[in-house]
Amino acid sequence: MTDAPLSAAPLVSPDAETSTAGPRPRTLPAPRRRGPSPRYLRMVQDESVRRDLRTLALFVRIYCDGNHRDRERAKH
């Protein structure tokens, strides 16, 4: 045994010498679902929520038309 301080010990897992698996492969994230979420679909069934969304959309349109009228629009 050496007289080296504990902080000098290498950071290796206890089973590193016996493991032959190598590094774990990276997994890709799950693809994102397109379209409205189930929560949104539940919420818009309420007429008051739909009315509030229409009001909000009107305010967003007024704001954007007033501040970004000269911008080019992207084709959807």
N, C-alpha and C. Protein backbone atom coordinates (compact mmCIF):
# COMPACT_ATOMS: atom_id res chain seq x y z
N MET A 1 0.83 -1.18 0.00
CA MET A 1 0.00 0.00 0.00
C MET A 1 0.88 1.24 0.00
N THR A 2 0.44 2.28 -0.71
CA THR A 2 1.24 3.51 -0.80
C THR A 2 0.76 4.50 0.25
N ASP A 3 1.57 5.50 0.48
CA ASP A 3 1.23 6.54 1.44
C ASP A 3 0.56 7.73 0.75
N ALA A 4 -0.02 7.53 -0.41
CA ALA A 4 -0.66 8.62 -1.15
C ALA A 4 -1.94 9.04 -0.44
N PRO A 5 -2.27 10.34 -0.48
CA PRO A 5 -3.51 10.78 0.16
C PRO A 5 -4.73 10.19 -0.57
N LEU A 6 -5.86 10.11 0.12
CA LEU A 6 -7.06 9.54 -0.46
C LEU A 6 -7.54 10.30 -1.69
N SER A 7 -7.33 11.61 -1.72
CA SER A 7 -7.80 12.40 -2.85
C SER A 7 -7.06 12.07 -4.14
N ALA A 8 -5.92 11.41 -4.04
CA ALA A 8 -5.15 11.06 -5.22
C ALA A 8 -5.60 9.73 -5.83
N ALA A 9 -6.55 9.04 -5.19
CA ALA A 9 -7.01 7.76 -5.71
C ALA A 9 -7.78 7.97 -7.01
N PRO A 10 -7.57 7.10 -8.00
CA PRO A 10 -8.28 7.28 -9.27
C PRO A 10 -9.78 7.04 -9.09
N LEU A 11 -10.56 7.77 -9.85
CA LEU A 11 -12.01 7.64 -9.80
C LEU A 11 -12.45 6.59 -10.81
N VAL A 12 -12.51 5.35 -10.34
CA VAL A 12 -12.87 4.22 -11.20
C VAL A 12 -13.92 3.41 -10.46
N SER A 13 -14.90 2.92 -11.19
CA SER A 13 -15.91 2.10 -10.54
C SER A 13 -15.29 0.79 -10.09
N PRO A 14 -15.82 0.17 -9.03
CA PRO A 14 -15.22 -1.05 -8.50
C PRO A 14 -15.20 -2.20 -9.51
N ASP A 15 -16.16 -2.26 -10.41
CA ASP A 15 -16.20 -3.37 -11.36
C ASP A 15 -15.62 -3.00 -12.72
N ALA A 16 -14.88 -1.92 -12.79
CA ALA A 16 -14.34 -1.46 -14.07
C ALA A 16 -13.36 -2.47 -14.66
N GLU A 17 -12.60 -3.18 -13.82
CA GLU A 17 -11.60 -4.12 -14.33
C GLU A 17 -12.26 -5.37 -14.92
N THR A 18 -13.45 -5.72 -14.45
CA THR A 18 -14.10 -6.94 -14.92
C THR A 18 -15.12 -6.68 -16.02
N SER A 19 -15.51 -5.44 -16.22
CA SER A 19 -16.54 -5.11 -17.20
C SER A 19 -15.94 -5.11 -18.60
N THR A 20 -16.63 -5.76 -19.55
CA THR A 20 -16.18 -5.77 -20.94
C THR A 20 -17.18 -5.08 -21.86
N ALA A 21 -18.20 -4.52 -21.27
CA ALA A 21 -19.27 -3.91 -22.08
C ALA A 21 -18.82 -2.65 -22.79
N GLY A 22 -17.87 -1.94 -22.26
CA GLY A 22 -17.43 -0.70 -22.86
C GLY A 22 -18.39 0.43 -22.53
N PRO A 23 -18.22 1.57 -23.18
CA PRO A 23 -19.10 2.69 -22.88
C PRO A 23 -20.52 2.41 -23.36
N ARG A 24 -21.49 2.97 -22.65
CA ARG A 24 -22.89 2.77 -23.03
C ARG A 24 -23.19 3.58 -24.29
N PRO A 25 -23.88 2.98 -25.24
CA PRO A 25 -24.21 3.72 -26.46
C PRO A 25 -25.21 4.83 -26.16
N ARG A 26 -25.07 5.93 -26.88
CA ARG A 26 -26.01 7.04 -26.72
C ARG A 26 -27.31 6.68 -27.41
N THR A 27 -28.40 7.00 -26.76
CA THR A 27 -29.70 6.75 -27.38
C THR A 27 -30.26 8.07 -27.89
N LEU A 28 -30.97 8.00 -28.97
CA LEU A 28 -31.58 9.19 -29.54
C LEU A 28 -32.86 9.51 -28.78
N PRO A 29 -33.20 10.79 -28.66
CA PRO A 29 -34.44 11.13 -27.98
C PRO A 29 -35.64 10.67 -28.81
N ALA A 30 -36.73 10.43 -28.13
CA ALA A 30 -37.95 10.01 -28.82
C ALA A 30 -38.41 11.13 -29.75
N PRO A 31 -38.93 10.79 -30.91
CA PRO A 31 -39.39 11.85 -31.82
C PRO A 31 -40.55 12.62 -31.20
N ARG A 32 -40.58 13.91 -31.44
CA ARG A 32 -41.64 14.75 -30.90
C ARG A 32 -42.93 14.52 -31.66
N ARG A 33 -44.01 14.45 -30.91
CA ARG A 33 -45.32 14.29 -31.52
C ARG A 33 -45.76 15.58 -32.17
N ARG A 34 -46.32 15.53 -33.34
CA ARG A 34 -46.78 16.72 -34.01
C ARG A 34 -48.26 16.87 -33.74
N GLY A 35 -48.72 18.12 -33.70
CA GLY A 35 -50.12 18.38 -33.49
C GLY A 35 -50.41 18.79 -32.06
N PRO A 36 -51.67 19.08 -31.77
CA PRO A 36 -52.03 19.55 -30.43
C PRO A 36 -51.88 18.45 -29.38
N SER A 37 -51.54 18.88 -28.19
CA SER A 37 -51.39 17.94 -27.08
C SER A 37 -52.75 17.49 -26.58
N PRO A 38 -52.80 16.35 -25.90
CA PRO A 38 -54.08 15.90 -25.33
C PRO A 38 -54.66 16.90 -24.33
N ARG A 39 -53.79 17.57 -23.59
CA ARG A 39 -54.28 18.58 -22.64
C ARG A 39 -54.97 19.71 -23.37
N TYR A 40 -54.36 20.20 -24.45
CA TYR A 40 -54.97 21.27 -25.24
C TYR A 40 -56.32 20.82 -25.80
N LEU A 41 -56.39 19.62 -26.32
CA LEU A 41 -57.64 19.13 -26.89
C LEU A 41 -58.75 19.05 -25.84
N ARG A 42 -58.37 18.68 -24.61
CA ARG A 42 -59.36 18.66 -23.52
C ARG A 42 -59.84 20.07 -23.19
N MET A 43 -58.89 21.00 -23.11
CA MET A 43 -59.23 22.36 -22.69
C MET A 43 -60.10 23.09 -23.70
N VAL A 44 -59.87 22.89 -25.00
CA VAL A 44 -60.64 23.63 -26.00
C VAL A 44 -62.06 23.10 -26.18
N GLN A 45 -62.41 22.07 -25.47
CA GLN A 45 -63.79 21.62 -25.51
C GLN A 45 -64.69 22.59 -24.75
N ASP A 46 -64.12 23.40 -23.87
CA ASP A 46 -64.87 24.38 -23.10
C ASP A 46 -65.06 25.65 -23.95
N GLU A 47 -66.30 26.09 -24.11
CA GLU A 47 -66.61 27.26 -24.96
C GLU A 47 -65.93 28.52 -24.43
N SER A 48 -65.84 28.69 -23.12
CA SER A 48 -65.21 29.90 -22.59
C SER A 48 -63.71 29.93 -22.92
N VAL A 49 -63.07 28.77 -22.94
CA VAL A 49 -61.66 28.70 -23.31
C VAL A 49 -61.49 29.07 -24.78
N ARG A 50 -62.37 28.56 -25.65
CA ARG A 50 -62.28 28.91 -27.08
C ARG A 50 -62.49 30.40 -27.29
N ARG A 51 -63.42 31.00 -26.56
CA ARG A 51 -63.67 32.44 -26.68
C ARG A 51 -62.44 33.23 -26.23
N ASP A 52 -61.82 32.79 -25.12
CA ASP A 52 -60.61 33.47 -24.64
C ASP A 52 -59.46 33.33 -25.64
N LEU A 53 -59.35 32.17 -26.27
CA LEU A 53 -58.28 31.98 -27.28
C LEU A 53 -58.50 32.88 -28.49
N ARG A 54 -59.74 33.04 -28.92
CA ARG A 54 -60.02 33.95 -30.04
C ARG A 54 -59.67 35.39 -29.67
N THR A 55 -60.00 35.79 -28.43
CA THR A 55 -59.67 37.15 -27.97
C THR A 55 -58.15 37.34 -27.93
N LEU A 56 -57.45 36.35 -27.39
CA LEU A 56 -55.99 36.42 -27.33
C LEU A 56 -55.40 36.50 -28.74
N ALA A 57 -55.92 35.70 -29.66
CA ALA A 57 -55.42 35.72 -31.04
C ALA A 57 -55.62 37.09 -31.67
N LEU A 58 -56.74 37.74 -31.38
CA LEU A 58 -57.00 39.08 -31.90
C LEU A 58 -55.96 40.07 -31.38
N PHE A 59 -55.67 40.03 -30.07
CA PHE A 59 -54.68 40.93 -29.51
C PHE A 59 -53.29 40.65 -30.08
N VAL A 60 -52.93 39.40 -30.28
CA VAL A 60 -51.63 39.06 -30.87
C VAL A 60 -51.55 39.60 -32.30
N ARG A 61 -52.62 39.45 -33.05
CA ARG A 61 -52.63 39.97 -34.43
C ARG A 61 -52.48 41.48 -34.45
N ILE A 62 -53.20 42.18 -33.58
CA ILE A 62 -53.10 43.64 -33.52
C ILE A 62 -51.68 44.06 -33.15
N TYR A 63 -51.10 43.41 -32.15
CA TYR A 63 -49.75 43.73 -31.72
C TYR A 63 -48.74 43.48 -32.84
N CYS A 64 -48.82 42.31 -33.46
CA CYS A 64 -47.84 41.95 -34.50
C CYS A 64 -47.99 42.83 -35.72
N ASP A 65 -49.23 43.14 -36.11
CA ASP A 65 -49.42 44.03 -37.26
C ASP A 65 -48.86 45.41 -36.97
N GLY A 66 -48.95 45.87 -35.74
CA GLY A 66 -48.44 47.19 -35.40
C GLY A 66 -46.93 47.23 -35.27
N ASN A 67 -46.30 46.12 -34.92
CA ASN A 67 -44.85 46.12 -34.67
C ASN A 67 -44.02 45.42 -35.74
N HIS A 68 -44.64 44.59 -36.54
CA HIS A 68 -43.87 43.79 -37.50
C HIS A 68 -44.49 43.83 -38.90
N ARG A 69 -45.21 44.86 -39.22
CA ARG A 69 -45.92 44.93 -40.50
C ARG A 69 -44.96 44.84 -41.69
N ASP A 70 -43.76 45.40 -41.56
CA ASP A 70 -42.84 45.44 -42.70
C ASP A 70 -42.00 44.16 -42.84
N ARG A 71 -42.17 43.19 -42.01
CA ARG A 71 -41.40 41.95 -42.08
C ARG A 71 -41.95 41.03 -43.18
N GLU A 72 -41.04 40.27 -43.77
CA GLU A 72 -41.47 39.28 -44.75
C GLU A 72 -42.07 38.10 -44.01
N ARG A 73 -43.12 37.53 -44.57
CA ARG A 73 -43.77 36.39 -43.95
C ARG A 73 -43.27 35.10 -44.57
N ALA A 74 -43.06 34.13 -43.73
CA ALA A 74 -42.62 32.82 -44.21
C ALA A 74 -43.83 32.04 -44.73
N LYS A 75 -43.62 31.29 -45.80
CA LYS A 75 -44.68 30.44 -46.32
C LYS A 75 -44.84 29.24 -45.40
N HIS A 76 -46.06 28.87 -45.12
CA HIS A 76 -46.33 27.70 -44.27
C HIS A 76 -46.76 26.56 -45.11
